PDB file of N, CA and C in Angstrom:
ATOM      1  N   MET A   1      -2.287   7.730  -6.747  1.00  0.00           N
ATOM      2  CA  MET A   1      -3.639   6.906  -6.777  1.00  0.00           C
ATOM      3  C   MET A   1      -3.447   5.809  -7.762  1.00  0.00           C
ATOM      4  N   GLU A   2      -3.634   4.547  -7.317  1.00  0.00           N
ATOM      5  CA  GLU A   2      -3.279   3.344  -8.103  1.00  0.00           C
ATOM      6  C   GLU A   2      -4.711   3.082  -8.889  1.00  0.00           C
ATOM      7  N   LYS A   3      -4.527   2.772 -10.250  1.00  0.00           N
ATOM      8  CA  LYS A   3      -5.766   2.462 -11.044  1.00  0.00           C
ATOM      9  C   LYS A   3      -6.376   1.027 -10.870  1.00  0.00           C
ATOM     10  N   GLU A   4      -7.537   0.784 -10.587  1.00  0.00           N
ATOM     11  CA  GLU A   4      -8.088  -0.381 -10.454  1.00  0.00           C
ATOM     12  C   GLU A   4      -8.272  -1.086 -11.856  1.00  0.00           C
ATOM     13  N   MET A   5      -7.781  -2.304 -11.901  1.00  0.00           N
ATOM     14  CA  MET A   5      -7.938  -2.913 -13.234  1.00  0.00           C
ATOM     15  C   MET A   5      -8.868  -4.185 -13.181  1.00  0.00           C
ATOM     16  N   GLU A   6      -9.679  -4.489 -14.134  1.00  0.00           N
ATOM     17  CA  GLU A   6     -10.400  -5.663 -14.067  1.00  0.00           C
ATOM     18  C   GLU A   6      -9.544  -6.811 -14.560  1.00  0.00           C
ATOM     19  N   SER A   7      -9.579  -7.860 -13.617  1.00  0.00           N
ATOM     20  CA  SER A   7      -8.852  -9.038 -14.031  1.00  0.00           C
ATOM     21  C   SER A   7      -9.512  -9.877 -14.852  1.00  0.00           C
ATOM     22  N   PRO A   8      -8.664 -10.560 -15.872  1.00  0.00           N
ATOM     23  CA  PRO A   8      -9.113 -11.589 -16.768  1.00  0.00           C
ATOM     24  C   PRO A   8      -9.239 -13.045 -16.168  1.00  0.00           C
ATOM     25  N   ILE A   9      -9.003 -13.074 -14.801  1.00  0.00           N
ATOM     26  CA  ILE A   9      -8.672 -14.576 -14.322  1.00  0.00           C
ATOM     27  C   ILE A   9     -10.070 -14.853 -13.640  1.00  0.00           C
ATOM     28  N   PHE A  10     -10.374 -16.117 -14.012  1.00  0.00           N
ATOM     29  CA  PHE A  10     -11.417 -16.823 -13.412  1.00  0.00           C
ATOM     30  C   PHE A  10     -11.328 -18.361 -13.028  1.00  0.00           C
ATOM     31  N   ASP A  11     -11.225 -18.707 -11.776  1.00  0.00           N
ATOM     32  CA  ASP A  11     -11.062 -20.070 -11.405  1.00  0.00           C
ATOM     33  C   ASP A  11      -9.547 -20.519 -11.790  1.00  0.00           C
ATOM     34  N   GLU A  12      -8.676 -19.594 -11.689  1.00  0.00           N
ATOM     35  CA  GLU A  12      -7.456 -20.072 -12.010  1.00  0.00           C
ATOM     36  C   GLU A  12      -7.081 -20.322 -13.393  1.00  0.00           C
ATOM     37  N   THR A  13      -7.765 -19.771 -14.353  1.00  0.00           N
ATOM     38  CA  THR A  13      -7.614 -19.839 -15.732  1.00  0.00           C
ATOM     39  C   THR A  13      -8.177 -18.616 -16.251  1.00  0.00           C
ATOM     40  N   GLN A  14      -7.928 -18.476 -17.578  1.00  0.00           N
ATOM     41  CA  GLN A  14      -8.317 -17.316 -18.426  1.00  0.00           C
ATOM     42  C   GLN A  14      -9.289 -17.793 -19.655  1.00  0.00           C
ATOM     43  N   PRO A  15     -10.582 -17.866 -19.223  1.00  0.00           N
ATOM     44  CA  PRO A  15     -11.493 -18.481 -20.391  1.00  0.00           C
ATOM     45  C   PRO A  15     -11.675 -17.868 -21.664  1.00  0.00           C
ATOM     46  N   HIS A  16     -11.228 -16.614 -21.519  1.00  0.00           N
ATOM     47  CA  HIS A  16     -11.393 -15.745 -22.809  1.00  0.00           C
ATOM     48  C   HIS A  16     -10.385 -16.119 -23.862  1.00  0.00           C
ATOM     49  N   GLN A  17      -9.384 -16.858 -23.461  1.00  0.00           N
ATOM     50  CA  GLN A  17      -8.396 -17.327 -24.448  1.00  0.00           C
ATOM     51  C   GLN A  17      -8.520 -18.716 -24.702  1.00  0.00           C
ATOM     52  N   ILE A  18      -8.679 -19.169 -25.871  1.00  0.00           N
ATOM     53  CA  ILE A  18      -9.138 -20.388 -26.365  1.00  0.00           C
ATOM     54  C   ILE A  18      -8.236 -21.603 -25.829  1.00  0.00           C
ATOM     55  N   HIS A  19      -6.919 -21.296 -25.908  1.00  0.00           N
ATOM     56  CA  HIS A  19      -6.044 -22.355 -25.506  1.00  0.00           C
ATOM     57  C   HIS A  19      -5.219 -22.147 -24.273  1.00  0.00           C
ATOM     58  N   ALA A  20      -5.819 -21.138 -23.277  1.00  0.00           N
ATOM     59  CA  ALA A  20      -5.206 -20.841 -22.031  1.00  0.00           C
ATOM     60  C   ALA A  20      -5.219 -21.990 -21.241  1.00  0.00           C
ATOM     61  N   PRO A  21      -3.960 -22.193 -20.486  1.00  0.00           N
ATOM     62  CA  PRO A  21      -4.089 -23.368 -19.664  1.00  0.00           C
ATOM     63  C   PRO A  21      -4.765 -23.040 -18.170  1.00  0.00           C
ATOM     64  N   SER A  22      -4.996 -24.143 -17.499  1.00  0.00           N
ATOM     65  CA  SER A  22      -5.527 -23.804 -16.076  1.00  0.00           C
ATOM     66  C   SER A  22      -4.395 -24.082 -15.326  1.00  0.00           C
ATOM     67  N   PHE A  23      -4.328 -23.138 -14.356  1.00  0.00           N
ATOM     68  CA  PHE A  23      -3.248 -23.360 -13.395  1.00  0.00           C
ATOM     69  C   PHE A  23      -3.689 -23.958 -12.007  1.00  0.00           C
ATOM     70  N   LYS A  24      -5.180 -24.479 -12.131  1.00  0.00           N
ATOM     71  CA  LYS A  24      -5.700 -24.972 -10.974  1.00  0.00           C
ATOM     72  C   LYS A  24      -5.050 -26.268 -10.711  1.00  0.00           C
ATOM     73  N   GLY A  25      -4.675 -26.497  -9.331  1.00  0.00           N
ATOM     74  CA  GLY A  25      -4.040 -27.726  -8.980  1.00  0.00           C
ATOM     75  C   GLY A  25      -2.471 -27.813  -9.055  1.00  0.00           C
ATOM     76  N   THR A  26      -1.877 -26.761  -9.566  1.00  0.00           N
ATOM     77  CA  THR A  26      -0.542 -26.773  -9.934  1.00  0.00           C
ATOM     78  C   THR A  26       0.289 -26.159  -8.764  1.00  0.00           C
ATOM     79  N   GLY A  27      -0.253 -25.297  -7.870  1.00  0.00           N
ATOM     80  CA  GLY A  27       0.307 -24.623  -6.896  1.00  0.00           C
ATOM     81  C   GLY A  27       0.921 -23.290  -7.452  1.00  0.00           C
ATOM     82  N   ILE A  28       0.688 -22.862  -8.639  1.00  0.00           N
ATOM     83  CA  ILE A  28       0.987 -21.605  -9.239  1.00  0.00           C
ATOM     84  C   ILE A  28      -0.242 -20.817  -9.216  1.00  0.00           C
ATOM     85  N   ARG A  29      -0.068 -19.645  -8.565  1.00  0.00           N
ATOM     86  CA  ARG A  29      -1.305 -18.624  -8.470  1.00  0.00           C
ATOM     87  C   ARG A  29      -1.285 -17.682  -9.501  1.00  0.00           C
ATOM     88  N   MET A  30      -2.476 -17.584 -10.183  1.00  0.00           N
ATOM     89  CA  MET A  30      -2.555 -16.703 -11.268  1.00  0.00           C
ATOM     90  C   MET A  30      -2.323 -15.328 -10.697  1.00  0.00           C
ATOM     91  N   GLN A  31      -1.662 -14.398 -11.399  1.00  0.00           N
ATOM     92  CA  GLN A  31      -1.457 -13.258 -10.912  1.00  0.00           C
ATOM     93  C   GLN A  31      -2.184 -12.116 -11.722  1.00  0.00           C
ATOM     94  N   PRO A  32      -2.515 -11.037 -10.963  1.00  0.00           N
ATOM     95  CA  PRO A  32      -3.491  -9.965 -11.697  1.00  0.00           C
ATOM     96  C   PRO A  32      -2.540  -9.227 -12.624  1.00  0.00           C
ATOM     97  N   PRO A  33      -3.120  -8.455 -13.519  1.00  0.00           N
ATOM     98  CA  PRO A  33      -2.318  -7.312 -14.332  1.00  0.00           C
ATOM     99  C   PRO A  33      -1.655  -6.365 -13.460  1.00  0.00           C
ATOM    100  N   PHE A  34      -0.649  -5.915 -14.089  1.00  0.00           N
ATOM    101  CA  PHE A  34       0.229  -4.812 -13.232  1.00  0.00           C
ATOM    102  C   PHE A  34       0.668  -3.762 -14.284  1.00  0.00           C
ATOM    103  N   VAL A  35       1.012  -2.650 -13.759  1.00  0.00           N
ATOM    104  CA  VAL A  35       1.463  -1.488 -14.497  1.00  0.00           C
ATOM    105  C   VAL A  35       3.012  -1.538 -14.347  1.00  0.00           C
ATOM    106  N   ASN A  36       3.768  -1.466 -15.511  1.00  0.00           N
ATOM    107  CA  ASN A  36       5.177  -1.465 -15.355  1.00  0.00           C
ATOM    108  C   ASN A  36       5.714  -0.177 -15.202  1.00  0.00           C
ATOM    109  N   GLN A  37       6.993   0.006 -15.221  1.00  0.00           N
ATOM    110  CA  GLN A  37       7.615   1.389 -14.951  1.00  0.00           C
ATOM    111  C   GLN A  37       7.312   2.359 -15.967  1.00  0.00           C
ATOM    112  N   HIS A  38       6.876   1.904 -17.062  1.00  0.00           N
ATOM    113  CA  HIS A  38       6.681   2.921 -18.233  1.00  0.00           C
ATOM    114  C   HIS A  38       5.228   3.188 -18.353  1.00  0.00           C
ATOM    115  N   GLY A  39       4.486   2.824 -17.378  1.00  0.00           N
ATOM    116  CA  GLY A  39       3.024   2.990 -17.163  1.00  0.00           C
ATOM    117  C   GLY A  39       2.169   2.315 -18.208  1.00  0.00           C
ATOM    118  N   VAL A  40       2.583   1.162 -18.582  1.00  0.00           N
ATOM    119  CA  VAL A  40       1.881   0.192 -19.520  1.00  0.00           C
ATOM    120  C   VAL A  40       1.238  -0.944 -18.767  1.00  0.00           C
ATOM    121  N   ILE A  41       0.087  -1.322 -18.960  1.00  0.00           N
ATOM    122  CA  ILE A  41      -0.706  -2.357 -18.308  1.00  0.00           C
ATOM    123  C   ILE A  41      -0.121  -3.596 -18.961  1.00  0.00           C
ATOM    124  N   ILE A  42       0.271  -4.487 -18.155  1.00  0.00           N
ATOM    125  CA  ILE A  42       0.856  -5.774 -18.458  1.00  0.00           C
ATOM    126  C   ILE A  42      -0.103  -7.008 -18.009  1.00  0.00           C
ATOM    127  N   GLY A  43      -0.581  -7.741 -18.814  1.00  0.00           N
ATOM    128  CA  GLY A  43      -1.486  -8.910 -18.430  1.00  0.00           C
ATOM    129  C   GLY A  43      -2.943  -8.874 -18.333  1.00  0.00           C
ATOM    130  N   ASP A  44      -3.385  -7.789 -18.982  1.00  0.00           N
ATOM    131  CA  ASP A  44      -4.804  -7.505 -18.951  1.00  0.00           C
ATOM    132  C   ASP A  44      -5.451  -8.138 -20.156  1.00  0.00           C
ATOM    133  N   SER A  45      -4.613  -8.642 -21.134  1.00  0.00           N
ATOM    134  CA  SER A  45      -5.195  -9.409 -22.293  1.00  0.00           C
ATOM    135  C   SER A  45      -5.948  -8.466 -23.327  1.00  0.00           C
ATOM    136  N   GLN A  46      -5.668  -7.037 -23.039  1.00  0.00           N
ATOM    137  CA  GLN A  46      -6.234  -6.203 -24.159  1.00  0.00           C
ATOM    138  C   GLN A  46      -5.186  -5.551 -24.888  1.00  0.00           C
ATOM    139  N   TYR A  47      -3.900  -5.598 -24.406  1.00  0.00           N
ATOM    140  CA  TYR A  47      -2.690  -5.054 -25.177  1.00  0.00           C
ATOM    141  C   TYR A  47      -3.074  -3.745 -25.870  1.00  0.00           C
ATOM    142  N   ASN A  48      -3.653  -2.747 -25.186  1.00  0.00           N
ATOM    143  CA  ASN A  48      -4.002  -1.576 -25.603  1.00  0.00           C
ATOM    144  C   ASN A  48      -3.981  -0.455 -24.619  1.00  0.00           C
ATOM    145  N   SER A  49      -2.787  -0.577 -23.853  1.00  0.00           N
ATOM    146  CA  SER A  49      -2.543   0.569 -22.788  1.00  0.00           C
ATOM    147  C   SER A  49      -2.180   1.612 -23.545  1.00  0.00           C
ATOM    148  N   PRO A  50      -2.593   2.863 -22.973  1.00  0.00           N
ATOM    149  CA  PRO A  50      -2.466   4.231 -23.698  1.00  0.00           C
ATOM    150  C   PRO A  50      -0.857   4.598 -23.883  1.00  0.00           C
ATOM    151  N   ASN A  51      -0.170   4.103 -22.955  1.00  0.00           N
ATOM    152  CA  ASN A  51       1.255   4.359 -22.955  1.00  0.00           C
ATOM    153  C   ASN A  51       2.137   3.276 -23.665  1.00  0.00           C
ATOM    154  N   SER A  52       1.487   2.260 -24.246  1.00  0.00           N
ATOM    155  CA  SER A  52       2.248   1.246 -24.833  1.00  0.00           C
ATOM    156  C   SER A  52       3.090   1.691 -26.119  1.00  0.00           C
ATOM    157  N   PRO A  53       4.307   1.326 -26.335  1.00  0.00           N
ATOM    158  CA  PRO A  53       5.008   1.518 -27.688  1.00  0.00           C
ATOM    159  C   PRO A  53       4.163   0.933 -28.879  1.00  0.00           C
ATOM    160  N   LEU A  54       3.307  -0.028 -28.677  1.00  0.00           N
ATOM    161  CA  LEU A  54       2.667  -0.713 -29.664  1.00  0.00           C
ATOM    162  C   LEU A  54       1.666   0.340 -30.352  1.00  0.00           C
ATOM    163  N   ASN A  55       1.286   1.355 -29.590  1.00  0.00           N
ATOM    164  CA  ASN A  55       0.252   2.323 -30.122  1.00  0.00           C
ATOM    165  C   ASN A  55       1.110   3.438 -30.840  1.00  0.00           C
ATOM    166  N   GLU A  56       2.260   3.507 -30.669  1.00  0.00           N
ATOM    167  CA  GLU A  56       3.168   4.657 -31.569  1.00  0.00           C
ATOM    168  C   GLU A  56       4.312   3.806 -32.265  1.00  0.00           C
ATOM    169  N   TRP A  57       4.029   2.616 -32.779  1.00  0.00           N
ATOM    170  CA  TRP A  57       4.985   1.840 -33.552  1.00  0.00           C
ATOM    171  C   TRP A  57       5.195   2.637 -34.804  1.00  0.00           C
ATOM    172  N   SER A  58       6.428   2.585 -35.353  1.00  0.00           N
ATOM    173  CA  SER A  58       6.884   3.210 -36.693  1.00  0.00           C
ATOM    174  C   SER A  58       8.084   2.265 -37.129  1.00  0.00           C
ATOM    175  N   ASP A  59       8.649   2.609 -38.322  1.00  0.00           N
ATOM    176  CA  ASP A  59       9.736   1.928 -38.897  1.00  0.00           C
ATOM    177  C   ASP A  59      10.901   2.446 -38.012  1.00  0.00           C
ATOM    178  N   GLU A  60      10.917   3.509 -37.331  1.00  0.00           N
ATOM    179  CA  GLU A  60      12.089   3.836 -36.619  1.00  0.00           C
ATOM    180  C   GLU A  60      12.189   3.502 -34.897  1.00  0.00           C
ATOM    181  N   THR A  61      10.969   2.621 -34.748  1.00  0.00           N
ATOM    182  CA  THR A  61      10.827   2.150 -33.305  1.00  0.00           C
ATOM    183  C   THR A  61      11.814   1.094 -33.206  1.00  0.00           C
ATOM    184  N   ASP A  62      12.678   1.037 -32.143  1.00  0.00           N
ATOM    185  CA  ASP A  62      13.724  -0.158 -31.695  1.00  0.00           C
ATOM    186  C   ASP A  62      12.846  -1.177 -31.022  1.00  0.00           C
ATOM    187  N   PRO A  63      12.478  -2.304 -31.423  1.00  0.00           N
ATOM    188  CA  PRO A  63      11.876  -3.271 -30.638  1.00  0.00           C
ATOM    189  C   PRO A  63      12.361  -3.685 -29.216  1.00  0.00           C
ATOM    190  N   SER A  64      13.680  -3.281 -29.034  1.00  0.00           N
ATOM    191  CA  SER A  64      14.231  -3.487 -27.724  1.00  0.00           C
ATOM    192  C   SER A  64      13.548  -2.554 -26.748  1.00  0.00           C
ATOM    193  N   VAL A  65      12.907  -1.717 -26.927  1.00  0.00           N
ATOM    194  CA  VAL A  65      12.207  -0.769 -25.981  1.00  0.00           C
ATOM    195  C   VAL A  65      11.159  -1.578 -25.116  1.00  0.00           C
ATOM    196  N   MET A  66      10.888  -2.837 -25.661  1.00  0.00           N
ATOM    197  CA  MET A  66       9.958  -3.653 -25.028  1.00  0.00           C
ATOM    198  C   MET A  66      10.431  -5.020 -24.783  1.00  0.00           C
ATOM    199  N   ALA A  67      11.588  -4.780 -24.372  1.00  0.00           N
ATOM    200  CA  ALA A  67      12.460  -6.248 -23.837  1.00  0.00           C
ATOM    201  C   ALA A  67      12.677  -6.068 -22.376  1.00  0.00           C
ATOM    202  N   GLY A  68      12.710  -7.150 -21.880  1.00  0.00           N
ATOM    203  CA  GLY A  68      12.797  -7.468 -20.472  1.00  0.00           C
ATOM    204  C   GLY A  68      11.645  -7.885 -19.545  1.00  0.00           C
ATOM    205  N   ASP A  69      11.791  -8.420 -18.217  1.00  0.00           N
ATOM    206  CA  ASP A  69      10.777  -8.989 -17.451  1.00  0.00           C
ATOM    207  C   ASP A  69       9.652  -8.125 -17.317  1.00  0.00           C
ATOM    208  N   GLU A  70       9.942  -6.769 -17.282  1.00  0.00           N
ATOM    209  CA  GLU A  70       8.741  -5.879 -17.020  1.00  0.00           C
ATOM    210  C   GLU A  70       7.814  -5.753 -18.079  1.00  0.00           C
ATOM    211  N   TRP A  71       7.909  -6.394 -19.224  1.00  0.00           N
ATOM    212  CA  TRP A  71       7.049  -6.546 -20.228  1.00  0.00           C
ATOM    213  C   TRP A  71       6.275  -7.962 -20.341  1.00  0.00           C
ATOM    214  N   VAL A  72       6.701  -8.729 -19.487  1.00  0.00           N
ATOM    215  CA  VAL A  72       6.252 -10.274 -19.379  1.00  0.00           C
ATOM    216  C   VAL A  72       5.416 -10.503 -18.262  1.00  0.00           C
ATOM    217  N   HIS A  73       4.150 -10.812 -18.317  1.00  0.00           N
ATOM    218  CA  HIS A  73       3.368 -11.112 -17.163  1.00  0.00           C
ATOM    219  C   HIS A  73       3.722 -12.538 -16.738  1.00  0.00           C
ATOM    220  N   PRO A  74       3.836 -13.015 -15.556  1.00  0.00           N
ATOM    221  CA  PRO A  74       4.255 -14.197 -15.011  1.00  0.00           C
ATOM    222  C   PRO A  74       3.155 -15.402 -15.480  1.00  0.00           C
ATOM    223  N   THR A  75       1.875 -15.143 -15.401  1.00  0.00           N
ATOM    224  CA  THR A  75       0.926 -16.088 -15.754  1.00  0.00           C
ATOM    225  C   THR A  75      -0.033 -15.835 -16.953  1.00  0.00           C
ATOM    226  N   ASN A  76      -0.093 -14.695 -17.357  1.00  0.00           N
ATOM    227  CA  ASN A  76      -1.067 -14.238 -18.571  1.00  0.00           C
ATOM    228  C   ASN A  76       0.004 -13.993 -19.681  1.00  0.00           C
ATOM    229  N   ASP A  77       0.563 -15.013 -20.174  1.00  0.00           N
ATOM    230  CA  ASP A  77       1.701 -14.739 -21.232  1.00  0.00           C
ATOM    231  C   ASP A  77       1.387 -15.895 -22.305  1.00  0.00           C
ATOM    232  N   ILE A  78       1.540 -15.525 -23.531  1.00  0.00           N
ATOM    233  CA  ILE A  78       1.251 -16.508 -24.677  1.00  0.00           C
ATOM    234  C   ILE A  78       2.178 -17.775 -24.581  1.00  0.00           C
ATOM    235  N   GLY A  79       3.187 -17.551 -23.815  1.00  0.00           N
ATOM    236  CA  GLY A  79       4.116 -18.795 -23.699  1.00  0.00           C
ATOM    237  C   GLY A  79       3.633 -19.879 -22.952  1.00  0.00           C
ATOM    238  N   TRP A  80       2.568 -19.557 -22.233  1.00  0.00           N
ATOM    239  CA  TRP A  80       1.853 -20.720 -21.458  1.00  0.00           C
ATOM    240  C   TRP A  80       1.257 -21.689 -22.420  1.00  0.00           C
ATOM    241  N   ASN A  81       0.970 -21.166 -23.418  1.00  0.00           N
ATOM    242  CA  ASN A  81       0.083 -21.881 -24.490  1.00  0.00           C
ATOM    243  C   ASN A  81       0.966 -23.026 -25.281  1.00  0.00           C
ATOM    244  N   THR A  82       2.350 -22.882 -25.001  1.00  0.00           N
ATOM    245  CA  THR A  82       3.114 -23.929 -25.973  1.00  0.00           C
ATOM    246  C   THR A  82       3.035 -25.105 -25.287  1.00  0.00           C
ATOM    247  N   ALA A  83       3.361 -26.148 -25.967  1.00  0.00           N
ATOM    248  CA  ALA A  83       3.059 -27.633 -25.575  1.00  0.00           C
ATOM    249  C   ALA A  83       4.178 -27.866 -24.304  1.00  0.00           C
ATOM    250  N   GLU A  84       5.303 -27.331 -24.400  1.00  0.00           N
ATOM    251  CA  GLU A  84       6.505 -27.623 -23.299  1.00  0.00           C
ATOM    252  C   GLU A  84       5.791 -26.973 -21.983  1.00  0.00           C
ATOM    253  N   ASN A  85       5.232 -25.699 -22.170  1.00  0.00           N
ATOM    254  CA  ASN A  85       4.887 -25.096 -20.751  1.00  0.00           C
ATOM    255  C   ASN A  85       3.607 -25.824 -20.338  1.00  0.00           C
ATOM    256  N   ARG A  86       2.794 -26.199 -21.172  1.00  0.00           N
ATOM    257  CA  ARG A  86       1.566 -26.904 -20.707  1.00  0.00           C
ATOM    258  C   ARG A  86       2.035 -28.413 -20.091  1.00  0.00           C
ATOM    259  N   GLU A  87       3.066 -28.949 -20.604  1.00  0.00           N
ATOM    260  CA  GLU A  87       3.519 -30.142 -20.026  1.00  0.00           C
ATOM    261  C   GLU A  87       4.028 -29.842 -18.630  1.00  0.00           C
ATOM    262  N   LEU A  88       4.754 -28.867 -18.380  1.00  0.00           N
ATOM    263  CA  LEU A  88       5.196 -28.409 -17.091  1.00  0.00           C
ATOM    264  C   LEU A  88       4.046 -28.359 -16.146  1.00  0.00           C
ATOM    265  N   LEU A  89       2.981 -27.687 -16.415  1.00  0.00           N
ATOM    266  CA  LEU A  89       1.812 -27.548 -15.641  1.00  0.00           C
ATOM    267  C   LEU A  89       1.245 -28.850 -15.298  1.00  0.00           C
ATOM    268  N   GLU A  90       1.203 -29.791 -16.281  1.00  0.00           N
ATOM    269  CA  GLU A  90       0.619 -31.094 -16.098  1.00  0.00           C
ATOM    270  C   GLU A  90       1.433 -31.873 -15.114  1.00  0.00           C
ATOM    271  N   LYS A  91       2.751 -31.698 -15.278  1.00  0.00           N
ATOM    272  CA  LYS A  91       3.661 -32.462 -14.255  1.00  0.00           C
ATOM    273  C   LYS A  91       3.321 -31.975 -12.972  1.00  0.00           C
ATOM    274  N   LYS A  92       3.215 -30.574 -12.727  1.00  0.00           N
ATOM    275  CA  LYS A  92       2.860 -30.024 -11.379  1.00  0.00           C
ATOM    276  C   LYS A  92       1.590 -30.619 -10.867  1.00  0.00           C
ATOM    277  N   ARG A  93       0.528 -30.741 -11.715  1.00  0.00           N
ATOM    278  CA  ARG A  93      -0.688 -31.265 -11.284  1.00  0.00           C
ATOM    279  C   ARG A  93      -0.726 -32.718 -10.988  1.00  0.00           C
ATOM    280  N   SER A  94       0.051 -33.422 -11.567  1.00  0.00           N
ATOM    281  CA  SER A  94       0.028 -35.047 -11.469  1.00  0.00           C
ATOM    282  C   SER A  94       0.113 -35.302 -10.074  1.00  0.00           C
ATOM    283  N   GLY A  95       0.782 -34.918  -9.246  1.00  0.00           N
ATOM    284  CA  GLY A  95       0.928 -35.303  -7.795  1.00  0.00           C
ATOM    285  C   GLY A  95      -0.482 -35.066  -7.002  1.00  0.00           C
ATOM    286  N   ASN A  96      -1.259 -34.321  -7.731  1.00  0.00           N
ATOM    287  CA  ASN A  96      -2.633 -34.110  -6.977  1.00  0.00           C
ATOM    288  C   ASN A  96      -3.872 -34.827  -7.575  1.00  0.00           C
ATOM    289  N   ALA A  97      -3.364 -35.904  -8.182  1.00  0.00           N
ATOM    290  CA  ALA A  97      -4.540 -36.721  -8.901  1.00  0.00           C
ATOM    291  C   ALA A  97      -5.391 -37.492  -7.850  1.00  0.00           C
ATOM    292  N   PRO A  98      -6.709 -37.674  -8.199  1.00  0.00           N
ATOM    293  CA  PRO A  98      -7.548 -38.200  -7.386  1.00  0.00           C
ATOM    294  C   PRO A  98      -7.126 -39.639  -7.141  1.00  0.00           C
ATOM    295  N   PHE A  99      -7.520 -40.255  -5.815  1.00  0.00           N
ATOM    296  CA  PHE A  99      -7.432 -41.766  -5.761  1.00  0.00           C
ATOM    297  C   PHE A  99      -6.007 -42.251  -5.635  1.00  0.00           C
ATOM    298  N   MET A 100      -5.056 -41.358  -5.318  1.00  0.00           N
ATOM    299  CA  MET A 100      -3.618 -41.582  -5.119  1.00  0.00           C
ATOM    300  C   MET A 100      -3.384 -41.648  -3.456  1.00  0.00           C
ATOM    301  N   HIS A 101      -2.589 -42.732  -3.296  1.00  0.00           N
ATOM    302  CA  HIS A 101      -1.992 -42.806  -1.887  1.00  0.00           C
ATOM    303  C   HIS A 101      -0.574 -42.586  -1.681  1.00  0.00           C
ATOM    304  N   PRO A 102      -0.091 -41.890  -0.776  1.00  0.00           N
ATOM    305  CA  PRO A 102       1.292 -41.574  -0.746  1.00  0.00           C
ATOM    306  C   PRO A 102       2.233 -42.853  -0.700  1.00  0.00           C
ATOM    307  N   ASP A 103       1.717 -43.944  -0.185  1.00  0.00           N
ATOM    308  CA  ASP A 103       2.568 -45.129   0.104  1.00  0.00           C
ATOM    309  C   ASP A 103       1.952 -46.446  -0.596  1.00  0.00           C
ATOM    310  N   LYS A 104       1.000 -46.276  -1.377  1.00  0.00           N
ATOM    311  CA  LYS A 104       0.426 -47.503  -2.122  1.00  0.00           C
ATOM    312  C   LYS A 104      -0.006 -47.184  -3.525  1.00  0.00           C
ATOM    313  N   ASP A 105       0.459 -48.054  -4.351  1.00  0.00           N
ATOM    314  CA  ASP A 105       0.320 -48.032  -5.874  1.00  0.00           C
ATOM    315  C   ASP A 105      -1.200 -48.684  -6.011  1.00  0.00           C
ATOM    316  N   VAL A 106      -2.172 -48.051  -6.058  1.00  0.00           N
ATOM    317  CA  VAL A 106      -3.555 -48.587  -6.191  1.00  0.00           C
ATOM    318  C   VAL A 106      -3.829 -49.014  -7.536  1.00  0.00           C
ATOM    319  N   GLY A 107      -2.975 -48.805  -8.351  1.00  0.00           N
ATOM    320  CA  GLY A 107      -3.110 -49.179  -9.894  1.00  0.00           C
ATOM    321  C   GLY A 107      -2.176 -50.442 -10.202  1.00  0.00           C
ATOM    322  N   TYR A 108      -1.533 -50.968  -9.290  1.00  0.00           N
ATOM    323  CA  TYR A 108      -0.736 -52.126  -9.489  1.00  0.00           C
ATOM    324  C   TYR A 108      -1.593 -53.281  -9.745  1.00  0.00           C
ATOM    325  N   GLY A 109      -1.209 -53.945 -10.829  1.00  0.00           N
ATOM    326  CA  GLY A 109      -1.863 -55.191 -11.377  1.00  0.00           C
ATOM    327  C   GLY A 109      -3.132 -54.844 -11.941  1.00  0.00           C
ATOM    328  N   THR A 110      -3.585 -53.874 -12.306  1.00  0.00           N
ATOM    329  CA  THR A 110      -4.740 -53.572 -12.930  1.00  0.00           C
ATOM    330  C   THR A 110      -4.680 -53.555 -14.519  1.00  0.00           C
ATOM    331  N   ASP A 111      -3.513 -53.687 -14.907  1.00  0.00           N
ATOM    332  CA  ASP A 111      -3.322 -53.777 -16.491  1.00  0.00           C
ATOM    333  C   ASP A 111      -3.077 -55.198 -16.975  1.00  0.00           C
TER     334      ASP A 111
END
């Protein structure tokens, strides 16, 4: 039986995160939270899954237990808040700007 999770996504963004980027108009679809092979919920923004190593961390815990793609959410990851990744999103969005024509430069000569 699959557990139903509440998604933090609203209108292709995550408004609960102060600097969360908007994926709207980029062609990138926000992904819902998922449960990885260790039974840990990834991408719910709560970071408090009962099976998470974070809940049982000690000096003896090897950080590599949380390494790999199964621990990273494709769209709900703090890495999207970096300037470099936000710039990538803006470049994807730039082709969808209003008042653009595919074969005419409507801004020519206006400066």
